[in-house]
Amino acid sequence: RRPTVAARRTAGLVLAVALLPAGASAQLTVHTTLASWLAAVSSPGVDTFNDIPFNQVFPSPIDRTAGPYAYRASAAGGFFASGSFGDLQLSTVTEGGSIVFSNFAPSVRGVGGFFFGTDDRTFFAPVSRIRLTAVGAAGTETTTLINATTTTFWGVTSSAPLTSLTVGVDPIPGVRVWASVNDFRLGAAGPTQVVPEPSTWALVAGGLTALGVVARRRRAA
């Protein structure tokens, strides 16, 4: 027998649900290239840190912006500008310390940047273990970058609001490293981060129930 109109409609609904994008469930997605991250967000903003005090310690926390997004950066002991004049990087004063980026707006669904280590002369440290922990309503993502360079990009996008990113240092015997960040980026939800509305899930549940009723009637017939 050919399926009834109701069965065909319900089957179409189930197929549509099966074809929902992978980002439809709450999750954090890691990006290891800037291009990939930019493709997954909308309205991205960047903080280059080129206006921070050069060659001096300045206190924590600091309130800053990355494009249209406000945020706060905190570090025990304060901050220091590494890098060179014209291309400054935000670094910790405390060896092995962490930088915590927080106070994101609810619209922020993506965070990223260049994360690496610097040495006691504020130069790039080629040997390092930089630990990154992103936290949000969708969960927590932790990654350790081994020997990251000043052009090593790392970022995450989320289907739910992000609340913080911590940049820390895992110790290496005999190696002195300070956590450093350049071109810190924030972004809003992009096309791959769409989460179905509750009404959509209600429609899906109703469709599945109807499919079960049709199947039982067909068996009974």
C-alpha atoms as a PDB file:
ATOM      1  CA  ARG A   1       0.000   0.000   0.000  1.00  0.00           C
ATOM      2  CA  ARG A   2       1.085   3.590  -0.689  1.00  0.00           C
ATOM      3  CA  PRO A   3       1.653   5.647   2.470  1.00  0.00           C
ATOM      4  CA  THR A   4      -1.147   7.963   3.520  1.00  0.00           C
ATOM      5  CA  VAL A   5      -0.845  11.747   3.150  1.00  0.00           C
ATOM      6  CA  ALA A   6      -0.290  12.025   6.914  1.00  0.00           C
ATOM      7  CA  ALA A   7       2.474   9.447   6.809  1.00  0.00           C
ATOM      8  CA  ARG A   8       4.204  11.222   3.916  1.00  0.00           C
ATOM      9  CA  ARG A   9       4.023  14.574   5.713  1.00  0.00           C
ATOM     10  CA  THR A  10       5.367  13.098   8.935  1.00  0.00           C
ATOM     11  CA  ALA A  11       8.188  11.342   7.113  1.00  0.00           C
ATOM     12  CA  GLY A  12       9.092  14.648   5.482  1.00  0.00           C
ATOM     13  CA  LEU A  13       9.223  16.284   8.899  1.00  0.00           C
ATOM     14  CA  VAL A  14      11.505  13.573  10.273  1.00  0.00           C
ATOM     15  CA  LEU A  15      13.786  13.971   7.227  1.00  0.00           C
ATOM     16  CA  ALA A  16      13.933  17.732   7.774  1.00  0.00           C
ATOM     17  CA  VAL A  17      14.980  17.156  11.375  1.00  0.00           C
ATOM     18  CA  ALA A  18      17.681  14.725  10.258  1.00  0.00           C
ATOM     19  CA  LEU A  19      19.046  17.411   7.942  1.00  0.00           C
ATOM     20  CA  LEU A  20      19.343  20.086  10.635  1.00  0.00           C
ATOM     21  CA  PRO A  21      22.888  21.553  10.706  1.00  0.00           C
ATOM     22  CA  ALA A  22      25.454  19.931  12.978  1.00  0.00           C
ATOM     23  CA  GLY A  23      25.564  23.096  15.094  1.00  0.00           C
ATOM     24  CA  ALA A  24      21.923  22.704  16.042  1.00  0.00           C
ATOM     25  CA  SER A  25      22.787  21.213  19.440  1.00  0.00           C
ATOM     26  CA  ALA A  26      24.516  23.220  22.147  1.00  0.00           C
ATOM     27  CA  GLN A  27      28.241  22.787  21.671  1.00  0.00           C
ATOM     28  CA  LEU A  28      31.660  24.426  21.470  1.00  0.00           C
ATOM     29  CA  THR A  29      33.623  24.151  18.236  1.00  0.00           C
ATOM     30  CA  VAL A  30      37.399  24.665  18.083  1.00  0.00           C
ATOM     31  CA  HIS A  31      38.992  26.574  15.188  1.00  0.00           C
ATOM     32  CA  THR A  32      42.714  26.460  14.437  1.00  0.00           C
ATOM     33  CA  THR A  33      42.682  29.013  11.598  1.00  0.00           C
ATOM     34  CA  LEU A  34      41.474  32.584  11.593  1.00  0.00           C
ATOM     35  CA  ALA A  35      39.622  32.005   8.309  1.00  0.00           C
ATOM     36  CA  SER A  36      37.611  29.133   9.811  1.00  0.00           C
ATOM     37  CA  TRP A  37      36.709  31.176  12.880  1.00  0.00           C
ATOM     38  CA  LEU A  38      35.681  34.222  10.840  1.00  0.00           C
ATOM     39  CA  ALA A  39      33.445  32.028   8.671  1.00  0.00           C
ATOM     40  CA  ALA A  40      31.613  30.787  11.775  1.00  0.00           C
ATOM     41  CA  VAL A  41      30.825  34.166  13.391  1.00  0.00           C
ATOM     42  CA  SER A  42      29.133  37.406  12.451  1.00  0.00           C
ATOM     43  CA  SER A  43      30.165  40.994  13.210  1.00  0.00           C
ATOM     44  CA  PRO A  44      33.690  40.068  14.406  1.00  0.00           C
ATOM     45  CA  GLY A  45      35.730  42.590  16.392  1.00  0.00           C
ATOM     46  CA  VAL A  46      39.440  42.677  17.275  1.00  0.00           C
ATOM     47  CA  ASP A  47      41.568  44.265  20.010  1.00  0.00           C
ATOM     48  CA  THR A  48      45.164  44.685  18.809  1.00  0.00           C
ATOM     49  CA  PHE A  49      46.475  46.011  22.174  1.00  0.00           C
ATOM     50  CA  ASN A  50      48.630  48.545  20.342  1.00  0.00           C
ATOM     51  CA  ASP A  51      47.405  51.310  22.676  1.00  0.00           C
ATOM     52  CA  ILE A  52      48.406  49.663  25.980  1.00  0.00           C
ATOM     53  CA  PRO A  53      51.242  51.268  28.020  1.00  0.00           C
ATOM     54  CA  PHE A  54      54.569  50.387  26.415  1.00  0.00           C
ATOM     55  CA  ASN A  55      57.453  49.059  28.513  1.00  0.00           C
ATOM     56  CA  GLN A  56      55.735  49.422  31.868  1.00  0.00           C
ATOM     57  CA  VAL A  57      53.580  47.493  34.313  1.00  0.00           C
ATOM     58  CA  PHE A  58      49.908  48.475  34.501  1.00  0.00           C
ATOM     59  CA  PRO A  59      47.243  47.232  36.930  1.00  0.00           C
ATOM     60  CA  SER A  60      44.539  44.597  36.572  1.00  0.00           C
ATOM     61  CA  PRO A  61      41.688  44.407  35.714  1.00  0.00           C
ATOM     62  CA  ILE A  62      41.325  46.418  32.538  1.00  0.00           C
ATOM     63  CA  ASP A  63      38.090  47.067  30.637  1.00  0.00           C
ATOM     64  CA  ARG A  64      38.509  47.061  26.875  1.00  0.00           C
ATOM     65  CA  THR A  65      36.653  46.556  23.609  1.00  0.00           C
ATOM     66  CA  ALA A  66      37.083  44.281  20.604  1.00  0.00           C
ATOM     67  CA  GLY A  67      35.136  46.074  17.897  1.00  0.00           C
ATOM     68  CA  PRO A  68      31.551  46.451  19.179  1.00  0.00           C
ATOM     69  CA  TYR A  69      32.077  44.093  22.143  1.00  0.00           C
ATOM     70  CA  ALA A  70      33.130  45.161  25.643  1.00  0.00           C
ATOM     71  CA  TYR A  71      35.102  42.771  27.845  1.00  0.00           C
ATOM     72  CA  ARG A  72      37.370  42.646  30.889  1.00  0.00           C
ATOM     73  CA  ALA A  73      40.888  41.228  31.208  1.00  0.00           C
ATOM     74  CA  SER A  74      42.339  40.208  34.588  1.00  0.00           C
ATOM     75  CA  ALA A  75      45.732  38.901  35.713  1.00  0.00           C
ATOM     76  CA  ALA A  76      47.252  38.478  39.168  1.00  0.00           C
ATOM     77  CA  GLY A  77      50.006  41.068  39.595  1.00  0.00           C
ATOM     78  CA  GLY A  78      48.936  43.126  36.587  1.00  0.00           C
ATOM     79  CA  PHE A  79      49.954  43.332  32.938  1.00  0.00           C
ATOM     80  CA  PHE A  80      52.987  44.165  30.826  1.00  0.00           C
ATOM     81  CA  ALA A  81      53.256  44.945  27.107  1.00  0.00           C
ATOM     82  CA  SER A  82      55.450  42.474  25.250  1.00  0.00           C
ATOM     83  CA  GLY A  83      56.301  42.603  21.548  1.00  0.00           C
ATOM     84  CA  SER A  84      57.559  45.728  19.829  1.00  0.00           C
ATOM     85  CA  PHE A  85      56.322  49.279  19.479  1.00  0.00           C
ATOM     86  CA  GLY A  86      53.563  49.253  16.854  1.00  0.00           C
ATOM     87  CA  ASP A  87      52.721  45.589  17.476  1.00  0.00           C
ATOM     88  CA  LEU A  88      52.181  45.223  21.207  1.00  0.00           C
ATOM     89  CA  GLN A  89      50.952  42.111  22.979  1.00  0.00           C
ATOM     90  CA  LEU A  90      49.173  41.725  26.298  1.00  0.00           C
ATOM     91  CA  SER A  91      51.310  39.707  28.762  1.00  0.00           C
ATOM     92  CA  THR A  92      51.225  38.829  32.439  1.00  0.00           C
ATOM     93  CA  VAL A  93      53.622  40.334  34.952  1.00  0.00           C
ATOM     94  CA  THR A  94      53.692  37.086  36.923  1.00  0.00           C
ATOM     95  CA  GLU A  95      55.722  34.222  35.480  1.00  0.00           C
ATOM     96  CA  GLY A  96      53.425  31.287  34.740  1.00  0.00           C
ATOM     97  CA  GLY A  97      50.359  33.398  35.521  1.00  0.00           C
ATOM     98  CA  SER A  98      47.046  33.454  33.686  1.00  0.00           C
ATOM     99  CA  ILE A  99      45.000  36.043  31.830  1.00  0.00           C
ATOM    100  CA  VAL A 100      41.229  35.781  32.233  1.00  0.00           C
ATOM    101  CA  PHE A 101      38.988  37.403  29.632  1.00  0.00           C
ATOM    102  CA  SER A 102      35.414  37.797  30.882  1.00  0.00           C
ATOM    103  CA  ASN A 103      32.334  40.057  31.155  1.00  0.00           C
ATOM    104  CA  PHE A 104      31.315  39.257  27.590  1.00  0.00           C
ATOM    105  CA  ALA A 105      28.002  40.554  26.278  1.00  0.00           C
ATOM    106  CA  PRO A 106      25.261  37.874  25.930  1.00  0.00           C
ATOM    107  CA  SER A 107      25.569  38.165  22.140  1.00  0.00           C
ATOM    108  CA  VAL A 108      29.156  36.852  22.116  1.00  0.00           C
ATOM    109  CA  ARG A 109      29.329  33.363  20.590  1.00  0.00           C
ATOM    110  CA  GLY A 110      32.951  33.345  19.420  1.00  0.00           C
ATOM    111  CA  VAL A 111      36.321  34.115  21.023  1.00  0.00           C
ATOM    112  CA  GLY A 112      39.827  33.712  19.641  1.00  0.00           C
ATOM    113  CA  GLY A 113      43.223  35.225  18.996  1.00  0.00           C
ATOM    114  CA  PHE A 114      46.947  34.528  18.880  1.00  0.00           C
ATOM    115  CA  PHE A 115      48.139  32.877  22.113  1.00  0.00           C
ATOM    116  CA  PHE A 116      51.794  32.124  22.880  1.00  0.00           C
ATOM    117  CA  GLY A 117      54.554  32.520  25.450  1.00  0.00           C
ATOM    118  CA  THR A 118      57.143  35.237  26.021  1.00  0.00           C
ATOM    119  CA  ASP A 119      60.387  35.147  28.005  1.00  0.00           C
ATOM    120  CA  ASP A 120      61.846  37.304  30.786  1.00  0.00           C
ATOM    121  CA  ARG A 121      62.967  39.890  28.202  1.00  0.00           C
ATOM    122  CA  THR A 122      59.389  40.049  26.804  1.00  0.00           C
ATOM    123  CA  PHE A 123      60.546  38.360  23.589  1.00  0.00           C
ATOM    124  CA  PHE A 124      58.750  35.418  22.000  1.00  0.00           C
ATOM    125  CA  ALA A 125      59.460  32.122  23.816  1.00  0.00           C
ATOM    126  CA  PRO A 126      59.795  29.270  21.280  1.00  0.00           C
ATOM    127  CA  VAL A 127      59.242  26.575  23.951  1.00  0.00           C
ATOM    128  CA  SER A 128      55.932  26.787  25.793  1.00  0.00           C
ATOM    129  CA  ARG A 129      52.732  25.026  26.762  1.00  0.00           C
ATOM    130  CA  ILE A 130      49.828  27.492  26.619  1.00  0.00           C
ATOM    131  CA  ARG A 131      46.591  26.221  28.162  1.00  0.00           C
ATOM    132  CA  LEU A 132      43.328  27.725  26.883  1.00  0.00           C
ATOM    133  CA  THR A 133      39.998  27.176  28.641  1.00  0.00           C
ATOM    134  CA  ALA A 134      36.780  28.565  27.160  1.00  0.00           C
ATOM    135  CA  VAL A 135      33.658  28.466  29.323  1.00  0.00           C
ATOM    136  CA  GLY A 136      30.065  29.135  28.333  1.00  0.00           C
ATOM    137  CA  ALA A 137      26.476  27.999  28.618  1.00  0.00           C
ATOM    138  CA  ALA A 138      27.241  25.180  26.153  1.00  0.00           C
ATOM    139  CA  GLY A 139      30.060  23.742  28.285  1.00  0.00           C
ATOM    140  CA  THR A 140      33.848  23.982  28.636  1.00  0.00           C
ATOM    141  CA  GLU A 141      36.616  23.482  26.079  1.00  0.00           C
ATOM    142  CA  THR A 142      40.281  23.137  27.120  1.00  0.00           C
ATOM    143  CA  THR A 143      43.206  22.973  24.697  1.00  0.00           C
ATOM    144  CA  THR A 144      46.971  23.086  25.270  1.00  0.00           C
ATOM    145  CA  LEU A 145      49.063  24.665  22.517  1.00  0.00           C
ATOM    146  CA  ILE A 146      52.577  23.174  22.341  1.00  0.00           C
ATOM    147  CA  ASN A 147      55.315  25.626  21.271  1.00  0.00           C
ATOM    148  CA  ALA A 148      52.802  28.071  19.801  1.00  0.00           C
ATOM    149  CA  THR A 149      54.184  30.910  17.677  1.00  0.00           C
ATOM    150  CA  THR A 150      53.019  34.515  17.454  1.00  0.00           C
ATOM    151  CA  THR A 151      50.903  33.509  14.430  1.00  0.00           C
ATOM    152  CA  THR A 152      49.285  30.434  15.999  1.00  0.00           C
ATOM    153  CA  PHE A 153      45.551  31.113  15.940  1.00  0.00           C
ATOM    154  CA  TRP A 154      43.102  29.384  18.261  1.00  0.00           C
ATOM    155  CA  GLY A 155      39.441  30.118  18.797  1.00  0.00           C
ATOM    156  CA  VAL A 156      36.077  28.649  19.677  1.00  0.00           C
ATOM    157  CA  THR A 157      32.531  29.272  18.565  1.00  0.00           C
ATOM    158  CA  SER A 158      29.489  28.295  20.558  1.00  0.00           C
ATOM    159  CA  SER A 159      25.785  27.770  20.042  1.00  0.00           C
ATOM    160  CA  ALA A 160      25.190  29.485  23.420  1.00  0.00           C
ATOM    161  CA  PRO A 161      26.683  32.547  25.157  1.00  0.00           C
ATOM    162  CA  LEU A 162      30.355  32.413  26.114  1.00  0.00           C
ATOM    163  CA  THR A 163      31.333  33.721  29.544  1.00  0.00           C
ATOM    164  CA  SER A 164      35.140  33.561  29.789  1.00  0.00           C
ATOM    165  CA  LEU A 165      38.451  32.514  28.277  1.00  0.00           C
ATOM    166  CA  THR A 166      41.461  31.744  30.478  1.00  0.00           C
ATOM    167  CA  VAL A 167      44.962  31.783  28.991  1.00  0.00           C
ATOM    168  CA  GLY A 168      47.439  29.988  31.261  1.00  0.00           C
ATOM    169  CA  VAL A 169      50.828  28.305  31.196  1.00  0.00           C
ATOM    170  CA  ASP A 170      51.603  24.660  31.934  1.00  0.00           C
ATOM    171  CA  PRO A 171      55.053  24.513  33.570  1.00  0.00           C
ATOM    172  CA  ILE A 172      58.081  23.099  31.745  1.00  0.00           C
ATOM    173  CA  PRO A 173      61.158  22.321  33.867  1.00  0.00           C
ATOM    174  CA  GLY A 174      63.917  24.865  33.269  1.00  0.00           C
ATOM    175  CA  VAL A 175      61.782  27.092  31.020  1.00  0.00           C
ATOM    176  CA  ARG A 176      60.447  30.497  32.070  1.00  0.00           C
ATOM    177  CA  VAL A 177      57.264  31.530  30.253  1.00  0.00           C
ATOM    178  CA  TRP A 178      54.760  34.371  30.521  1.00  0.00           C
ATOM    179  CA  ALA A 179      51.293  34.030  28.934  1.00  0.00           C
ATOM    180  CA  SER A 180      50.805  36.486  26.059  1.00  0.00           C
ATOM    181  CA  VAL A 181      47.986  37.400  23.695  1.00  0.00           C
ATOM    182  CA  ASN A 182      47.734  39.368  20.472  1.00  0.00           C
ATOM    183  CA  ASP A 183      44.751  40.361  18.311  1.00  0.00           C
ATOM    184  CA  PHE A 184      42.079  39.194  20.750  1.00  0.00           C
ATOM    185  CA  ARG A 185      38.794  38.628  18.894  1.00  0.00           C
ATOM    186  CA  LEU A 186      35.102  38.385  19.765  1.00  0.00           C
ATOM    187  CA  GLY A 187      32.135  37.660  17.504  1.00  0.00           C
ATOM    188  CA  ALA A 188      28.398  37.056  17.487  1.00  0.00           C
ATOM    189  CA  ALA A 189      26.541  33.965  16.297  1.00  0.00           C
ATOM    190  CA  GLY A 190      27.109  32.984  12.686  1.00  0.00           C
ATOM    191  CA  PRO A 191      25.109  30.832  10.257  1.00  0.00           C
ATOM    192  CA  THR A 192      26.574  27.565  11.607  1.00  0.00           C
ATOM    193  CA  GLN A 193      25.555  28.241  15.216  1.00  0.00           C
ATOM    194  CA  VAL A 194      21.764  28.268  14.832  1.00  0.00           C
ATOM    195  CA  VAL A 195      19.875  26.465  17.627  1.00  0.00           C
ATOM    196  CA  PRO A 196      16.241  25.410  16.943  1.00  0.00           C
ATOM    197  CA  GLU A 197      13.609  27.314  18.880  1.00  0.00           C
ATOM    198  CA  PRO A 198      11.561  25.387  21.503  1.00  0.00           C
ATOM    199  CA  SER A 199       8.562  25.578  19.162  1.00  0.00           C
ATOM    200  CA  THR A 200      10.582  23.718  16.529  1.00  0.00           C
ATOM    201  CA  TRP A 201      11.360  20.890  18.931  1.00  0.00           C
ATOM    202  CA  ALA A 202       7.672  20.766  19.935  1.00  0.00           C
ATOM    203  CA  LEU A 203       6.751  20.358  16.256  1.00  0.00           C
ATOM    204  CA  VAL A 204       9.321  17.598  15.896  1.00  0.00           C
ATOM    205  CA  ALA A 205       7.981  15.752  18.946  1.00  0.00           C
ATOM    206  CA  GLY A 206       4.448  16.028  17.617  1.00  0.00           C
ATOM    207  CA  GLY A 207       5.524  14.734  14.231  1.00  0.00           C
ATOM    208  CA  LEU A 208       7.264  11.729  15.711  1.00  0.00           C
ATOM    209  CA  THR A 209       4.192  10.924  17.793  1.00  0.00           C
ATOM    210  CA  ALA A 210       2.002  11.119  14.698  1.00  0.00           C
ATOM    211  CA  LEU A 211       4.371   8.834  12.828  1.00  0.00           C
ATOM    212  CA  GLY A 212       4.041   6.241  15.610  1.00  0.00           C
ATOM    213  CA  VAL A 213       0.227   6.429  15.489  1.00  0.00           C
ATOM    214  CA  VAL A 214       0.221   5.944  11.706  1.00  0.00           C
ATOM    215  CA  ALA A 215       2.555   2.970  11.974  1.00  0.00           C
ATOM    216  CA  ARG A 216       0.332   1.295  14.606  1.00  0.00           C
ATOM    217  CA  ARG A 217      -2.768   1.796  12.487  1.00  0.00           C
ATOM    218  CA  ARG A 218      -1.070   0.304   9.453  1.00  0.00           C
ATOM    219  CA  ARG A 219      -0.023  -2.753  11.476  1.00  0.00           C
ATOM    220  CA  ALA A 220      -3.565  -3.130  12.815  1.00  0.00           C
ATOM    221  CA  ALA A 221      -4.974  -2.937   9.256  1.00  0.00           C
END
